[in-house]
PDB file of N, CA and C in Angstrom:
ATOM      1  N   UNK A   1      22.432 -10.356   4.985  1.00  0.00           N
ATOM      2  CA  UNK A   1      20.991 -10.458   4.810  1.00  0.00           C
ATOM      3  C   UNK A   1      20.927 -10.503   3.373  1.00  0.00           C
ATOM      4  N   UNK A   2      19.974 -11.446   2.936  1.00  0.00           N
ATOM      5  CA  UNK A   2      19.615 -11.736   1.496  1.00  0.00           C
ATOM      6  C   UNK A   2      18.530 -10.597   1.201  1.00  0.00           C
ATOM      7  N   UNK A   3      18.303 -10.549  -0.214  1.00  0.00           N
ATOM      8  CA  UNK A   3      17.223  -9.673  -0.456  1.00  0.00           C
ATOM      9  C   UNK A   3      15.857  -9.785   0.096  1.00  0.00           C
ATOM     10  N   UNK A   4      15.461 -11.051   0.104  1.00  0.00           N
ATOM     11  CA  UNK A   4      14.219 -11.584   0.708  1.00  0.00           C
ATOM     12  C   UNK A   4      14.112 -11.429   2.136  1.00  0.00           C
ATOM     13  N   UNK A   5      15.213 -11.523   2.907  1.00  0.00           N
ATOM     14  CA  UNK A   5      15.327 -11.352   4.188  1.00  0.00           C
ATOM     15  C   UNK A   5      14.950  -9.831   4.510  1.00  0.00           C
ATOM     16  N   UNK A   6      15.641  -8.987   3.795  1.00  0.00           N
ATOM     17  CA  UNK A   6      15.723  -7.371   3.877  1.00  0.00           C
ATOM     18  C   UNK A   6      14.187  -7.039   3.405  1.00  0.00           C
ATOM     19  N   UNK A   7      13.541  -7.606   2.466  1.00  0.00           N
ATOM     20  CA  UNK A   7      12.264  -7.284   2.285  1.00  0.00           C
ATOM     21  C   UNK A   7      11.196  -7.585   3.421  1.00  0.00           C
ATOM     22  N   UNK A   8      11.522  -8.804   4.086  1.00  0.00           N
ATOM     23  CA  UNK A   8      10.596  -9.068   5.173  1.00  0.00           C
ATOM     24  C   UNK A   8      10.884  -8.358   6.392  1.00  0.00           C
ATOM     25  N   UNK A   9      12.080  -7.845   6.570  1.00  0.00           N
ATOM     26  CA  UNK A   9      12.518  -7.177   7.642  1.00  0.00           C
ATOM     27  C   UNK A   9      12.126  -5.471   7.690  1.00  0.00           C
ATOM     28  N   UNK A  10      11.966  -5.080   6.418  1.00  0.00           N
ATOM     29  CA  UNK A  10      11.996  -3.765   6.179  1.00  0.00           C
ATOM     30  C   UNK A  10      10.510  -3.171   6.637  1.00  0.00           C
ATOM     31  N   UNK A  11      10.730  -2.172   7.348  1.00  0.00           N
ATOM     32  CA  UNK A  11       9.546  -1.500   7.882  1.00  0.00           C
ATOM     33  C   UNK A  11       9.542   0.162   7.819  1.00  0.00           C
ATOM     34  N   UNK A  12       8.644   0.950   7.921  1.00  0.00           N
ATOM     35  CA  UNK A  12       8.772   2.450   7.909  1.00  0.00           C
ATOM     36  C   UNK A  12       9.201   2.878   9.284  1.00  0.00           C
ATOM     37  N   UNK A  13      10.319   3.706   9.273  1.00  0.00           N
ATOM     38  CA  UNK A  13      10.700   4.120  10.534  1.00  0.00           C
ATOM     39  C   UNK A  13      10.777   5.917  10.210  1.00  0.00           C
ATOM     40  N   UNK A  14      10.291   6.657  11.295  1.00  0.00           N
ATOM     41  CA  UNK A  14      10.317   7.974  11.235  1.00  0.00           C
ATOM     42  C   UNK A  14      11.355   8.633  12.246  1.00  0.00           C
ATOM     43  N   UNK A  15      11.869   7.935  13.143  1.00  0.00           N
ATOM     44  CA  UNK A  15      12.749   8.445  14.238  1.00  0.00           C
ATOM     45  C   UNK A  15      14.122   7.663  13.974  1.00  0.00           C
ATOM     46  N   UNK A  16      15.204   8.448  13.901  1.00  0.00           N
ATOM     47  CA  UNK A  16      16.507   7.842  13.515  1.00  0.00           C
ATOM     48  C   UNK A  16      17.520   8.392  14.715  1.00  0.00           C
ATOM     49  N   UNK A  17      18.582   7.494  14.731  1.00  0.00           N
ATOM     50  CA  UNK A  17      19.660   7.843  15.707  1.00  0.00           C
ATOM     51  C   UNK A  17      20.462   9.003  15.052  1.00  0.00           C
ATOM     52  N   UNK A  18      21.411   9.546  15.793  1.00  0.00           N
ATOM     53  CA  UNK A  18      22.118  10.484  15.589  1.00  0.00           C
ATOM     54  C   UNK A  18      23.463  10.163  15.067  1.00  0.00           C
ATOM     55  N   UNK A  19      23.659   8.889  15.117  1.00  0.00           N
ATOM     56  CA  UNK A  19      25.001   8.291  14.554  1.00  0.00           C
ATOM     57  C   UNK A  19      25.239   8.491  13.150  1.00  0.00           C
ATOM     58  N   UNK A  20      26.581   8.905  12.721  1.00  0.00           N
ATOM     59  CA  UNK A  20      26.771   9.227  11.353  1.00  0.00           C
ATOM     60  C   UNK A  20      26.919   7.759  10.753  1.00  0.00           C
ATOM     61  N   UNK A  21      26.771   7.897   9.393  1.00  0.00           N
ATOM     62  CA  UNK A  21      26.848   6.597   8.494  1.00  0.00           C
ATOM     63  C   UNK A  21      28.290   6.333   8.435  1.00  0.00           C
ATOM     64  N   UNK A  22      28.570   4.941   8.331  1.00  0.00           N
ATOM     65  CA  UNK A  22      30.096   4.641   8.305  1.00  0.00           C
ATOM     66  C   UNK A  22      30.464   5.038   6.872  1.00  0.00           C
ATOM     67  N   UNK A  23      31.838   5.098   6.374  1.00  0.00           N
ATOM     68  CA  UNK A  23      32.143   5.226   5.100  1.00  0.00           C
ATOM     69  C   UNK A  23      31.796   4.103   4.163  1.00  0.00           C
ATOM     70  N   UNK A  24      31.834   2.885   4.792  1.00  0.00           N
ATOM     71  CA  UNK A  24      31.565   1.636   3.954  1.00  0.00           C
ATOM     72  C   UNK A  24      30.002   1.519   3.427  1.00  0.00           C
ATOM     73  N   UNK A  25      29.222   1.952   4.340  1.00  0.00           N
ATOM     74  CA  UNK A  25      27.766   2.149   4.086  1.00  0.00           C
ATOM     75  C   UNK A  25      27.480   3.232   3.057  1.00  0.00           C
ATOM     76  N   UNK A  26      28.188   4.350   3.166  1.00  0.00           N
ATOM     77  CA  UNK A  26      28.130   5.357   2.239  1.00  0.00           C
ATOM     78  C   UNK A  26      28.522   4.965   0.745  1.00  0.00           C
ATOM     79  N   UNK A  27      29.775   4.330   0.850  1.00  0.00           N
ATOM     80  CA  UNK A  27      30.108   3.759  -0.230  1.00  0.00           C
ATOM     81  C   UNK A  27      29.267   2.673  -1.139  1.00  0.00           C
ATOM     82  N   UNK A  28      28.759   1.814  -0.306  1.00  0.00           N
ATOM     83  CA  UNK A  28      27.763   0.892  -0.746  1.00  0.00           C
ATOM     84  C   UNK A  28      26.449   1.394  -1.470  1.00  0.00           C
ATOM     85  N   UNK A  29      25.899   2.385  -0.554  1.00  0.00           N
ATOM     86  CA  UNK A  29      24.882   3.107  -1.192  1.00  0.00           C
ATOM     87  C   UNK A  29      25.199   3.833  -2.437  1.00  0.00           C
ATOM     88  N   UNK A  30      26.165   4.548  -2.467  1.00  0.00           N
ATOM     89  CA  UNK A  30      26.682   5.251  -3.666  1.00  0.00           C
ATOM     90  C   UNK A  30      27.016   4.453  -4.793  1.00  0.00           C
ATOM     91  N   UNK A  31      27.454   3.240  -4.715  1.00  0.00           N
ATOM     92  CA  UNK A  31      27.690   2.293  -5.710  1.00  0.00           C
ATOM     93  C   UNK A  31      26.232   1.597  -6.306  1.00  0.00           C
ATOM     94  N   UNK A  32      25.397   1.417  -5.392  1.00  0.00           N
ATOM     95  CA  UNK A  32      24.199   0.999  -5.827  1.00  0.00           C
ATOM     96  C   UNK A  32      23.280   2.162  -6.588  1.00  0.00           C
ATOM     97  N   UNK A  33      23.477   3.366  -6.124  1.00  0.00           N
ATOM     98  CA  UNK A  33      22.840   4.558  -6.699  1.00  0.00           C
ATOM     99  C   UNK A  33      23.376   4.735  -8.219  1.00  0.00           C
ATOM    100  N   UNK A  34      24.598   4.561  -8.374  1.00  0.00           N
ATOM    101  CA  UNK A  34      25.156   4.576  -9.657  1.00  0.00           C
ATOM    102  C   UNK A  34      24.566   3.548 -10.500  1.00  0.00           C
ATOM    103  N   UNK A  35      24.537   2.495 -10.228  1.00  0.00           N
ATOM    104  CA  UNK A  35      23.849   1.218 -10.893  1.00  0.00           C
ATOM    105  C   UNK A  35      22.521   1.568 -11.227  1.00  0.00           C
ATOM    106  N   UNK A  36      21.695   2.037 -10.221  1.00  0.00           N
ATOM    107  CA  UNK A  36      20.314   2.436 -10.513  1.00  0.00           C
ATOM    108  C   UNK A  36      20.139   3.467 -11.461  1.00  0.00           C
ATOM    109  N   UNK A  37      21.007   4.560 -11.299  1.00  0.00           N
ATOM    110  CA  UNK A  37      21.135   5.741 -12.298  1.00  0.00           C
ATOM    111  C   UNK A  37      21.444   5.333 -13.641  1.00  0.00           C
ATOM    112  N   UNK A  38      22.283   4.394 -13.762  1.00  0.00           N
ATOM    113  CA  UNK A  38      22.693   3.906 -15.084  1.00  0.00           C
ATOM    114  C   UNK A  38      21.671   3.199 -15.847  1.00  0.00           C
ATOM    115  N   UNK A  39      21.134   2.203 -14.948  1.00  0.00           N
ATOM    116  CA  UNK A  39      19.959   1.218 -15.569  1.00  0.00           C
ATOM    117  C   UNK A  39      18.774   2.091 -15.860  1.00  0.00           C
ATOM    118  N   UNK A  40      18.326   2.962 -14.876  1.00  0.00           N
ATOM    119  CA  UNK A  40      16.953   3.628 -15.028  1.00  0.00           C
ATOM    120  C   UNK A  40      17.142   4.987 -15.780  1.00  0.00           C
ATOM    121  N   UNK A  41      18.335   5.326 -16.210  1.00  0.00           N
ATOM    122  CA  UNK A  41      18.452   6.685 -16.533  1.00  0.00           C
ATOM    123  C   UNK A  41      17.971   7.897 -15.762  1.00  0.00           C
ATOM    124  N   UNK A  42      18.486   7.660 -14.516  1.00  0.00           N
ATOM    125  CA  UNK A  42      17.847   8.551 -13.382  1.00  0.00           C
ATOM    126  C   UNK A  42      18.916   9.458 -12.765  1.00  0.00           C
ATOM    127  N   UNK A  43      18.733  10.359 -11.991  1.00  0.00           N
ATOM    128  CA  UNK A  43      19.712  11.330 -11.394  1.00  0.00           C
ATOM    129  C   UNK A  43      19.525  11.285  -9.656  1.00  0.00           C
ATOM    130  N   UNK A  44      19.436  10.132  -9.309  1.00  0.00           N
ATOM    131  CA  UNK A  44      19.239   9.800  -7.828  1.00  0.00           C
ATOM    132  C   UNK A  44      20.496  10.258  -7.069  1.00  0.00           C
ATOM    133  N   UNK A  45      20.466  10.858  -5.946  1.00  0.00           N
ATOM    134  CA  UNK A  45      21.461  11.311  -5.213  1.00  0.00           C
ATOM    135  C   UNK A  45      21.419  10.872  -3.721  1.00  0.00           C
ATOM    136  N   UNK A  46      22.594  10.667  -3.145  1.00  0.00           N
ATOM    137  CA  UNK A  46      22.665  10.420  -1.701  1.00  0.00           C
ATOM    138  C   UNK A  46      23.146  11.720  -0.928  1.00  0.00           C
ATOM    139  N   UNK A  47      22.342  12.066  -0.066  1.00  0.00           N
ATOM    140  CA  UNK A  47      22.776  13.419   0.969  1.00  0.00           C
ATOM    141  C   UNK A  47      23.132  12.888   2.110  1.00  0.00           C
ATOM    142  N   UNK A  48      24.120  13.190   2.667  1.00  0.00           N
ATOM    143  CA  UNK A  48      24.485  12.826   4.055  1.00  0.00           C
ATOM    144  C   UNK A  48      24.931  14.101   5.068  1.00  0.00           C
ATOM    145  N   UNK A  49      24.679  13.837   6.129  1.00  0.00           N
ATOM    146  CA  UNK A  49      24.881  14.829   7.211  1.00  0.00           C
ATOM    147  C   UNK A  49      24.364  16.151   6.870  1.00  0.00           C
ATOM    148  N   UNK A  50      23.156  16.168   6.453  1.00  0.00           N
ATOM    149  CA  UNK A  50      22.364  17.345   6.121  1.00  0.00           C
ATOM    150  C   UNK A  50      21.037  17.252   6.762  1.00  0.00           C
ATOM    151  N   UNK A  51      20.629  18.135   7.621  1.00  0.00           N
ATOM    152  CA  UNK A  51      19.220  17.903   8.196  1.00  0.00           C
ATOM    153  C   UNK A  51      18.260  19.096   7.809  1.00  0.00           C
ATOM    154  N   UNK A  52      18.713  19.988   6.942  1.00  0.00           N
ATOM    155  CA  UNK A  52      17.746  21.242   6.440  1.00  0.00           C
ATOM    156  C   UNK A  52      16.441  20.641   5.931  1.00  0.00           C
ATOM    157  N   UNK A  53      16.395  19.900   5.125  1.00  0.00           N
ATOM    158  CA  UNK A  53      15.208  19.372   4.470  1.00  0.00           C
ATOM    159  C   UNK A  53      14.186  19.153   5.371  1.00  0.00           C
ATOM    160  N   UNK A  54      14.455  18.441   6.545  1.00  0.00           N
ATOM    161  CA  UNK A  54      13.438  18.008   7.641  1.00  0.00           C
ATOM    162  C   UNK A  54      13.598  18.809   8.775  1.00  0.00           C
ATOM    163  N   UNK A  55      14.325  19.751   8.936  1.00  0.00           N
ATOM    164  CA  UNK A  55      14.471  20.595  10.193  1.00  0.00           C
ATOM    165  C   UNK A  55      13.355  21.802  10.011  1.00  0.00           C
ATOM    166  N   UNK A  56      12.876  21.946  11.101  1.00  0.00           N
ATOM    167  CA  UNK A  56      11.831  23.213  11.254  1.00  0.00           C
ATOM    168  C   UNK A  56      10.708  22.846  10.242  1.00  0.00           C
ATOM    169  N   UNK A  57      10.532  21.693   9.794  1.00  0.00           N
ATOM    170  CA  UNK A  57       9.364  21.543   8.936  1.00  0.00           C
ATOM    171  C   UNK A  57       8.311  20.732   9.757  1.00  0.00           C
ATOM    172  N   UNK A  58       6.924  21.401   9.823  1.00  0.00           N
ATOM    173  CA  UNK A  58       6.182  20.673  10.725  1.00  0.00           C
ATOM    174  C   UNK A  58       4.828  20.244   9.740  1.00  0.00           C
ATOM    175  N   UNK A  59       5.047  18.931   9.494  1.00  0.00           N
ATOM    176  CA  UNK A  59       3.892  18.384   8.397  1.00  0.00           C
ATOM    177  C   UNK A  59       2.555  18.197   9.179  1.00  0.00           C
ATOM    178  N   UNK A  60       1.539  17.947   8.632  1.00  0.00           N
ATOM    179  CA  UNK A  60       0.204  17.729   9.318  1.00  0.00           C
ATOM    180  C   UNK A  60       0.199  16.319   9.824  1.00  0.00           C
ATOM    181  N   UNK A  61       0.966  15.416   9.368  1.00  0.00           N
ATOM    182  CA  UNK A  61       1.220  14.102   9.893  1.00  0.00           C
ATOM    183  C   UNK A  61       2.433  13.478   9.533  1.00  0.00           C
ATOM    184  N   UNK A  62       2.987  12.585  10.135  1.00  0.00           N
ATOM    185  CA  UNK A  62       4.110  11.829   9.793  1.00  0.00           C
ATOM    186  C   UNK A  62       5.305  12.545  10.107  1.00  0.00           C
ATOM    187  N   UNK A  63       5.547  13.187  11.134  1.00  0.00           N
ATOM    188  CA  UNK A  63       6.856  13.942  11.580  1.00  0.00           C
ATOM    189  C   UNK A  63       7.998  13.149  11.515  1.00  0.00           C
ATOM    190  N   UNK A  64       9.233  13.560  11.059  1.00  0.00           N
ATOM    191  CA  UNK A  64      10.416  12.674  11.174  1.00  0.00           C
ATOM    192  C   UNK A  64      11.231  13.391  12.270  1.00  0.00           C
ATOM    193  N   UNK A  65      12.213  12.551  12.799  1.00  0.00           N
ATOM    194  CA  UNK A  65      13.243  13.108  13.836  1.00  0.00           C
ATOM    195  C   UNK A  65      14.627  12.553  13.546  1.00  0.00           C
ATOM    196  N   UNK A  66      15.402  13.521  13.555  1.00  0.00           N
ATOM    197  CA  UNK A  66      16.940  12.995  13.442  1.00  0.00           C
ATOM    198  C   UNK A  66      17.338  12.711  11.951  1.00  0.00           C
ATOM    199  N   UNK A  67      16.593  13.079  10.880  1.00  0.00           N
ATOM    200  CA  UNK A  67      16.986  12.806   9.614  1.00  0.00           C
ATOM    201  C   UNK A  67      18.147  13.719   9.231  1.00  0.00           C
ATOM    202  N   UNK A  68      19.302  13.191   8.896  1.00  0.00           N
ATOM    203  CA  UNK A  68      20.332  13.847   8.310  1.00  0.00           C
ATOM    204  C   UNK A  68      20.908  13.132   6.978  1.00  0.00           C
ATOM    205  N   UNK A  69      20.370  11.918   6.669  1.00  0.00           N
ATOM    206  CA  UNK A  69      20.815  11.254   5.416  1.00  0.00           C
ATOM    207  C   UNK A  69      19.478  10.933   4.767  1.00  0.00           C
ATOM    208  N   UNK A  70      19.739  11.036   3.420  1.00  0.00           N
ATOM    209  CA  UNK A  70      18.518  10.578   2.627  1.00  0.00           C
ATOM    210  C   UNK A  70      18.850  10.445   1.171  1.00  0.00           C
ATOM    211  N   UNK A  71      18.017   9.710   0.479  1.00  0.00           N
ATOM    212  CA  UNK A  71      18.287   9.459  -0.941  1.00  0.00           C
ATOM    213  C   UNK A  71      17.286  10.259  -1.624  1.00  0.00           C
ATOM    214  N   UNK A  72      17.607  11.065  -2.532  1.00  0.00           N
ATOM    215  CA  UNK A  72      16.761  11.938  -3.243  1.00  0.00           C
ATOM    216  C   UNK A  72      16.461  11.262  -4.740  1.00  0.00           C
ATOM    217  N   UNK A  73      15.263  10.947  -5.067  1.00  0.00           N
ATOM    218  CA  UNK A  73      14.977  10.469  -6.134  1.00  0.00           C
ATOM    219  C   UNK A  73      14.648  11.482  -7.383  1.00  0.00           C
ATOM    220  N   UNK A  74      15.708  11.693  -8.120  1.00  0.00           N
ATOM    221  CA  UNK A  74      15.490  12.670  -9.110  1.00  0.00           C
ATOM    222  C   UNK A  74      15.444  12.143 -10.521  1.00  0.00           C
ATOM    223  N   UNK A  75      14.529  12.677 -11.305  1.00  0.00           N
ATOM    224  CA  UNK A  75      14.550  12.051 -12.776  1.00  0.00           C
ATOM    225  C   UNK A  75      14.224  13.088 -13.904  1.00  0.00           C
ATOM    226  N   UNK A  76      14.507  12.858 -15.077  1.00  0.00           N
ATOM    227  CA  UNK A  76      14.210  13.707 -16.201  1.00  0.00           C
ATOM    228  C   UNK A  76      12.809  13.384 -16.314  1.00  0.00           C
ATOM    229  N   UNK A  77      12.097  14.401 -16.578  1.00  0.00           N
ATOM    230  CA  UNK A  77      10.417  14.385 -16.817  1.00  0.00           C
ATOM    231  C   UNK A  77      10.298  13.812 -18.271  1.00  0.00           C
ATOM    232  N   UNK A  78      10.502  12.416 -18.328  1.00  0.00           N
ATOM    233  CA  UNK A  78      10.304  11.775 -19.653  1.00  0.00           C
ATOM    234  C   UNK A  78       9.761  10.304 -19.435  1.00  0.00           C
ATOM    235  N   UNK A  79       8.997   9.868 -20.279  1.00  0.00           N
ATOM    236  CA  UNK A  79       8.546   8.373 -20.242  1.00  0.00           C
ATOM    237  C   UNK A  79       7.797   8.262 -18.865  1.00  0.00           C
ATOM    238  N   UNK A  80       8.062   7.074 -18.341  1.00  0.00           N
ATOM    239  CA  UNK A  80       7.637   6.521 -17.073  1.00  0.00           C
ATOM    240  C   UNK A  80       8.538   6.807 -15.889  1.00  0.00           C
ATOM    241  N   UNK A  81       8.990   7.987 -15.758  1.00  0.00           N
ATOM    242  CA  UNK A  81       9.974   8.557 -14.756  1.00  0.00           C
ATOM    243  C   UNK A  81       9.523   8.157 -13.467  1.00  0.00           C
ATOM    244  N   UNK A  82       8.186   8.341 -13.120  1.00  0.00           N
ATOM    245  CA  UNK A  82       7.654   8.037 -11.743  1.00  0.00           C
ATOM    246  C   UNK A  82       7.827   6.460 -11.500  1.00  0.00           C
ATOM    247  N   UNK A  83       7.532   5.559 -12.586  1.00  0.00           N
ATOM    248  CA  UNK A  83       7.597   4.244 -12.402  1.00  0.00           C
ATOM    249  C   UNK A  83       8.958   3.799 -12.192  1.00  0.00           C
ATOM    250  N   UNK A  84       9.861   4.241 -12.862  1.00  0.00           N
ATOM    251  CA  UNK A  84      11.449   4.171 -12.855  1.00  0.00           C
ATOM    252  C   UNK A  84      11.926   4.638 -11.393  1.00  0.00           C
ATOM    253  N   UNK A  85      11.429   5.743 -10.917  1.00  0.00           N
ATOM    254  CA  UNK A  85      11.870   6.075  -9.459  1.00  0.00           C
ATOM    255  C   UNK A  85      11.406   5.206  -8.418  1.00  0.00           C
ATOM    256  N   UNK A  86      10.194   4.714  -8.482  1.00  0.00           N
ATOM    257  CA  UNK A  86       9.577   3.709  -7.714  1.00  0.00           C
ATOM    258  C   UNK A  86      10.275   2.515  -7.750  1.00  0.00           C
ATOM    259  N   UNK A  87      10.540   1.907  -8.836  1.00  0.00           N
ATOM    260  CA  UNK A  87      11.298   0.709  -8.978  1.00  0.00           C
ATOM    261  C   UNK A  87      12.764   0.661  -8.278  1.00  0.00           C
ATOM    262  N   UNK A  88      13.448   1.697  -8.840  1.00  0.00           N
ATOM    263  CA  UNK A  88      14.739   1.843  -8.301  1.00  0.00           C
ATOM    264  C   UNK A  88      14.888   2.424  -6.858  1.00  0.00           C
ATOM    265  N   UNK A  89      13.962   3.110  -6.542  1.00  0.00           N
ATOM    266  CA  UNK A  89      13.788   3.478  -5.029  1.00  0.00           C
ATOM    267  C   UNK A  89      13.617   2.142  -4.210  1.00  0.00           C
ATOM    268  N   UNK A  90      12.815   1.369  -4.630  1.00  0.00           N
ATOM    269  CA  UNK A  90      12.608   0.082  -3.840  1.00  0.00           C
ATOM    270  C   UNK A  90      14.026  -0.842  -3.758  1.00  0.00           C
ATOM    271  N   UNK A  91      14.730  -0.682  -4.831  1.00  0.00           N
ATOM    272  CA  UNK A  91      16.011  -1.317  -4.811  1.00  0.00           C
ATOM    273  C   UNK A  91      16.939  -0.775  -3.779  1.00  0.00           C
ATOM    274  N   UNK A  92      16.886   0.446  -3.843  1.00  0.00           N
ATOM    275  CA  UNK A  92      17.741   1.261  -2.825  1.00  0.00           C
ATOM    276  C   UNK A  92      17.200   1.010  -1.243  1.00  0.00           C
ATOM    277  N   UNK A  93      15.996   0.914  -1.197  1.00  0.00           N
ATOM    278  CA  UNK A  93      15.295   0.538   0.117  1.00  0.00           C
ATOM    279  C   UNK A  93      15.850  -0.756   0.801  1.00  0.00           C
ATOM    280  N   UNK A  94      15.953  -1.706  -0.210  1.00  0.00           N
ATOM    281  CA  UNK A  94      16.521  -3.127   0.121  1.00  0.00           C
ATOM    282  C   UNK A  94      17.935  -3.101   0.425  1.00  0.00           C
ATOM    283  N   UNK A  95      18.689  -2.219  -0.333  1.00  0.00           N
ATOM    284  CA  UNK A  95      19.983  -2.190  -0.106  1.00  0.00           C
ATOM    285  C   UNK A  95      20.192  -1.550   1.277  1.00  0.00           C
ATOM    286  N   UNK A  96      19.581  -0.423   1.482  1.00  0.00           N
ATOM    287  CA  UNK A  96      19.722   0.096   2.852  1.00  0.00           C
ATOM    288  C   UNK A  96      19.393  -0.683   3.965  1.00  0.00           C
ATOM    289  N   UNK A  97      18.376  -1.437   3.830  1.00  0.00           N
ATOM    290  CA  UNK A  97      18.060  -2.454   4.939  1.00  0.00           C
ATOM    291  C   UNK A  97      18.987  -3.578   4.986  1.00  0.00           C
ATOM    292  N   UNK A  98      19.583  -3.993   4.008  1.00  0.00           N
ATOM    293  CA  UNK A  98      20.721  -4.949   4.050  1.00  0.00           C
ATOM    294  C   UNK A  98      22.040  -4.378   4.858  1.00  0.00           C
ATOM    295  N   UNK A  99      22.093  -3.066   4.706  1.00  0.00           N
ATOM    296  CA  UNK A  99      23.216  -2.483   5.474  1.00  0.00           C
ATOM    297  C   UNK A  99      22.880  -2.125   6.823  1.00  0.00           C
ATOM    298  N   UNK A 100      21.669  -2.470   7.260  1.00  0.00           N
ATOM    299  CA  UNK A 100      21.217  -2.364   8.821  1.00  0.00           C
ATOM    300  C   UNK A 100      20.557  -0.953   8.819  1.00  0.00           C
ATOM    301  N   UNK A 101      20.087  -0.201   7.766  1.00  0.00           N
ATOM    302  CA  UNK A 101      19.627   1.034   7.906  1.00  0.00           C
ATOM    303  C   UNK A 101      18.083   0.826   7.825  1.00  0.00           C
ATOM    304  N   UNK A 102      17.391   1.680   8.474  1.00  0.00           N
ATOM    305  CA  UNK A 102      15.837   1.632   8.513  1.00  0.00           C
ATOM    306  C   UNK A 102      15.507   2.906   7.435  1.00  0.00           C
ATOM    307  N   UNK A 103      14.378   2.774   7.101  1.00  0.00           N
ATOM    308  CA  UNK A 103      13.966   4.034   6.123  1.00  0.00           C
ATOM    309  C   UNK A 103      12.596   4.182   6.006  1.00  0.00           C
ATOM    310  N   UNK A 104      12.109   5.195   5.249  1.00  0.00           N
ATOM    311  CA  UNK A 104      10.781   5.526   5.082  1.00  0.00           C
ATOM    312  C   UNK A 104      10.591   6.159   3.606  1.00  0.00           C
ATOM    313  N   UNK A 105       9.491   5.916   2.989  1.00  0.00           N
ATOM    314  CA  UNK A 105       9.212   6.721   1.893  1.00  0.00           C
ATOM    315  C   UNK A 105       8.655   7.932   2.165  1.00  0.00           C
ATOM    316  N   UNK A 106       9.110   9.187   1.384  1.00  0.00           N
ATOM    317  CA  UNK A 106       8.821  10.489   2.026  1.00  0.00           C
ATOM    318  C   UNK A 106       8.282  11.287   0.801  1.00  0.00           C
ATOM    319  N   UNK A 107       7.151  11.795   0.889  1.00  0.00           N
ATOM    320  CA  UNK A 107       6.550  12.565  -0.479  1.00  0.00           C
ATOM    321  C   UNK A 107       6.448  14.059  -0.094  1.00  0.00           C
ATOM    322  N   UNK A 108       5.746  14.317   0.962  1.00  0.00           N
ATOM    323  CA  UNK A 108       5.372  15.826   1.112  1.00  0.00           C
ATOM    324  C   UNK A 108       5.704  16.234   2.568  1.00  0.00           C
ATOM    325  N   UNK A 109       6.349  15.305   3.282  1.00  0.00           N
ATOM    326  CA  UNK A 109       6.675  15.733   4.779  1.00  0.00           C
ATOM    327  C   UNK A 109       8.254  16.199   4.826  1.00  0.00           C
ATOM    328  N   UNK A 110       8.595  16.877   4.014  1.00  0.00           N
ATOM    329  CA  UNK A 110       9.968  17.587   3.856  1.00  0.00           C
ATOM    330  C   UNK A 110       9.955  18.920   3.209  1.00  0.00           C
ATOM    331  N   UNK A 111      11.062  19.591   3.199  1.00  0.00           N
ATOM    332  CA  UNK A 111      11.135  21.010   2.623  1.00  0.00           C
ATOM    333  C   UNK A 111      11.899  20.830   1.306  1.00  0.00           C
ATOM    334  N   UNK A 112      11.266  20.564   0.170  1.00  0.00           N
ATOM    335  CA  UNK A 112      11.992  20.280  -0.998  1.00  0.00           C
ATOM    336  C   UNK A 112      12.963  21.399  -1.340  1.00  0.00           C
ATOM    337  N   UNK A 113      12.595  22.618  -1.040  1.00  0.00           N
ATOM    338  CA  UNK A 113      13.538  23.759  -1.416  1.00  0.00           C
ATOM    339  C   UNK A 113      14.885  23.614  -0.699  1.00  0.00           C
ATOM    340  N   UNK A 114      14.711  22.964   0.428  1.00  0.00           N
ATOM    341  CA  UNK A 114      16.045  22.884   1.233  1.00  0.00           C
ATOM    342  C   UNK A 114      16.754  21.469   1.098  1.00  0.00           C
ATOM    343  N   UNK A 115      16.316  20.591   0.207  1.00  0.00           N
ATOM    344  CA  UNK A 115      16.994  19.568  -0.150  1.00  0.00           C
ATOM    345  C   UNK A 115      18.346  19.878  -1.012  1.00  0.00           C
ATOM    346  N   UNK A 116      19.398  19.375  -0.506  1.00  0.00           N
ATOM    347  CA  UNK A 116      20.693  19.783  -1.171  1.00  0.00           C
ATOM    348  C   UNK A 116      21.004  18.867  -2.257  1.00  0.00           C
ATOM    349  N   UNK A 117      20.299  19.013  -3.288  1.00  0.00           N
ATOM    350  CA  UNK A 117      20.438  17.910  -4.365  1.00  0.00           C
ATOM    351  C   UNK A 117      20.547  18.907  -5.637  1.00  0.00           C
ATOM    352  N   UNK A 118      21.014  18.347  -6.830  1.00  0.00           N
ATOM    353  CA  UNK A 118      21.263  19.037  -8.022  1.00  0.00           C
ATOM    354  C   UNK A 118      19.988  18.555  -8.892  1.00  0.00           C
ATOM    355  N   UNK A 119      19.302  19.556  -9.460  1.00  0.00           N
ATOM    356  CA  UNK A 119      17.895  19.360 -10.110  1.00  0.00           C
ATOM    357  C   UNK A 119      18.154  20.166 -11.487  1.00  0.00           C
ATOM    358  N   UNK A 120      18.261  19.427 -12.665  1.00  0.00           N
ATOM    359  CA  UNK A 120      18.329  20.325 -13.843  1.00  0.00           C
ATOM    360  C   UNK A 120      16.926  20.769 -14.161  1.00  0.00           C
ATOM    361  N   UNK A 121      16.805  21.953 -15.109  1.00  0.00           N
ATOM    362  CA  UNK A 121      15.535  22.284 -15.404  1.00  0.00           C
ATOM    363  C   UNK A 121      14.419  21.456 -15.875  1.00  0.00           C
ATOM    364  N   UNK A 122      14.989  20.227 -16.569  1.00  0.00           N
ATOM    365  CA  UNK A 122      13.942  19.199 -17.116  1.00  0.00           C
ATOM    366  C   UNK A 122      13.823  18.116 -16.156  1.00  0.00           C
ATOM    367  N   UNK A 123      14.323  18.164 -14.982  1.00  0.00           N
ATOM    368  CA  UNK A 123      14.139  17.141 -13.914  1.00  0.00           C
ATOM    369  C   UNK A 123      13.259  17.455 -12.900  1.00  0.00           C
ATOM    370  N   UNK A 124      12.784  16.363 -12.077  1.00  0.00           N
ATOM    371  CA  UNK A 124      11.789  16.685 -11.046  1.00  0.00           C
ATOM    372  C   UNK A 124      12.392  15.799  -9.618  1.00  0.00           C
ATOM    373  N   UNK A 125      12.303  16.445  -8.557  1.00  0.00           N
ATOM    374  CA  UNK A 125      12.614  15.666  -7.422  1.00  0.00           C
ATOM    375  C   UNK A 125      11.234  15.027  -6.963  1.00  0.00           C
ATOM    376  N   UNK A 126      11.419  13.741  -7.282  1.00  0.00           N
ATOM    377  CA  UNK A 126      10.116  12.834  -7.161  1.00  0.00           C
ATOM    378  C   UNK A 126       9.939  12.444  -5.700  1.00  0.00           C
ATOM    379  N   UNK A 127      10.793  11.983  -5.171  1.00  0.00           N
ATOM    380  CA  UNK A 127      10.702  11.339  -3.549  1.00  0.00           C
ATOM    381  C   UNK A 127      11.978  11.890  -2.878  1.00  0.00           C
TER     382      UNK A 127
END
């Protein structure tokens, strides 16, 4: 699937299967995350097989089901870090779509304290 095909096919999904990600998909996402982190000076992280951030969290709207894998957009609080997270987050969504994965931007409908990510004191979990 080309990038343009992935952009056209991509849509927000809130209910996922329980099938684990394959090692090749994980490796592909990690490789793209490393590239994005280097180019954007970010600290984006892939979390797999962990549902704690979405389990037992009841949002006012937009509930998610079976979320065990997610990409955490983490960045140093400097310059246009929100813009950088948005730009590189979109790149990662395209990569995920090309790998056959559906996705959804998530801002407030998860428990940030239960995200299993590393955040330095000068960083923020953006999405």
